[in-house]
């Protein structure tokens, strides 16, 4: 199931004009990419929450 979803994401990226070499790289580094993107998203929300907290206090 997971690989079907990721394959669909790769196809959407290609359809949106993302370079094929970039999609191939994502395919090769699937787990690493998912982990790094999850950490980046987590850091973004933590950072935004921290900035909002600073602005409100």
C-alpha atoms as a PDB file:
ATOM      1  CA  UNK A   1       0.000   0.000   0.000  1.00  0.00           C
ATOM      2  CA  UNK A   2       2.738   2.445   0.969  1.00  0.00           C
ATOM      3  CA  UNK A   3       4.659   1.949  -2.253  1.00  0.00           C
ATOM      4  CA  UNK A   4       1.471   2.477  -4.292  1.00  0.00           C
ATOM      5  CA  UNK A   5       0.877   5.808  -2.540  1.00  0.00           C
ATOM      6  CA  UNK A   6       4.485   6.879  -2.983  1.00  0.00           C
ATOM      7  CA  UNK A   7       4.432   5.845  -6.633  1.00  0.00           C
ATOM      8  CA  UNK A   8       1.346   8.030  -7.114  1.00  0.00           C
ATOM      9  CA  UNK A   9       3.176  10.933  -5.455  1.00  0.00           C
ATOM     10  CA  UNK A  10       6.126  10.406  -7.785  1.00  0.00           C
ATOM     11  CA  UNK A  11       3.800  10.418 -10.793  1.00  0.00           C
ATOM     12  CA  UNK A  12       2.173  13.646  -9.575  1.00  0.00           C
ATOM     13  CA  UNK A  13       5.599  15.234  -9.148  1.00  0.00           C
ATOM     14  CA  UNK A  14       6.537  14.259 -12.707  1.00  0.00           C
ATOM     15  CA  UNK A  15       3.221  15.590 -14.019  1.00  0.00           C
ATOM     16  CA  UNK A  16       3.852  18.879 -12.196  1.00  0.00           C
ATOM     17  CA  UNK A  17       7.181  19.252 -13.991  1.00  0.00           C
ATOM     18  CA  UNK A  18       9.531  17.958 -11.281  1.00  0.00           C
ATOM     19  CA  UNK A  19      12.730  16.675 -12.949  1.00  0.00           C
ATOM     20  CA  UNK A  20      12.854  12.926 -13.569  1.00  0.00           C
ATOM     21  CA  UNK A  21      16.332  12.752 -12.025  1.00  0.00           C
ATOM     22  CA  UNK A  22      14.910  14.224  -8.814  1.00  0.00           C
ATOM     23  CA  UNK A  23      12.110  11.663  -8.739  1.00  0.00           C
ATOM     24  CA  UNK A  24      14.634   8.866  -9.303  1.00  0.00           C
ATOM     25  CA  UNK A  25      16.682  10.205  -6.383  1.00  0.00           C
ATOM     26  CA  UNK A  26      13.574  10.226  -4.183  1.00  0.00           C
ATOM     27  CA  UNK A  27      12.868   6.621  -5.170  1.00  0.00           C
ATOM     28  CA  UNK A  28      16.403   5.557  -4.223  1.00  0.00           C
ATOM     29  CA  UNK A  29      16.374   7.378  -0.876  1.00  0.00           C
ATOM     30  CA  UNK A  30      12.754   6.735   0.067  1.00  0.00           C
ATOM     31  CA  UNK A  31      13.101   6.129   3.806  1.00  0.00           C
ATOM     32  CA  UNK A  32      15.707   8.826   4.320  1.00  0.00           C
ATOM     33  CA  UNK A  33      13.595  11.333   2.417  1.00  0.00           C
ATOM     34  CA  UNK A  34      10.442  10.536   4.372  1.00  0.00           C
ATOM     35  CA  UNK A  35      12.255  10.845   7.701  1.00  0.00           C
ATOM     36  CA  UNK A  36      13.929  14.131   6.750  1.00  0.00           C
ATOM     37  CA  UNK A  37      10.676  15.602   5.434  1.00  0.00           C
ATOM     38  CA  UNK A  38       8.853  14.557   8.619  1.00  0.00           C
ATOM     39  CA  UNK A  39      11.546  16.166  10.787  1.00  0.00           C
ATOM     40  CA  UNK A  40      11.457  19.330   8.681  1.00  0.00           C
ATOM     41  CA  UNK A  41       7.667  19.549   8.967  1.00  0.00           C
ATOM     42  CA  UNK A  42       7.837  18.966  12.723  1.00  0.00           C
ATOM     43  CA  UNK A  43      10.525  21.638  13.108  1.00  0.00           C
ATOM     44  CA  UNK A  44       8.461  24.079  11.047  1.00  0.00           C
ATOM     45  CA  UNK A  45       5.405  23.724  13.280  1.00  0.00           C
ATOM     46  CA  UNK A  46       7.462  23.849  16.476  1.00  0.00           C
ATOM     47  CA  UNK A  47       9.243  26.954  15.194  1.00  0.00           C
ATOM     48  CA  UNK A  48       6.008  28.660  14.203  1.00  0.00           C
ATOM     49  CA  UNK A  49       4.458  27.804  17.558  1.00  0.00           C
ATOM     50  CA  UNK A  50       7.476  29.233  19.324  1.00  0.00           C
ATOM     51  CA  UNK A  51       7.283  32.467  17.286  1.00  0.00           C
ATOM     52  CA  UNK A  52       3.559  32.819  17.991  1.00  0.00           C
ATOM     53  CA  UNK A  53       4.195  32.190  21.684  1.00  0.00           C
ATOM     54  CA  UNK A  54       6.892  34.900  21.680  1.00  0.00           C
ATOM     55  CA  UNK A  55       4.585  37.314  19.915  1.00  0.00           C
ATOM     56  CA  UNK A  56       1.745  36.742  22.386  1.00  0.00           C
ATOM     57  CA  UNK A  57       3.810  36.986  25.574  1.00  0.00           C
END
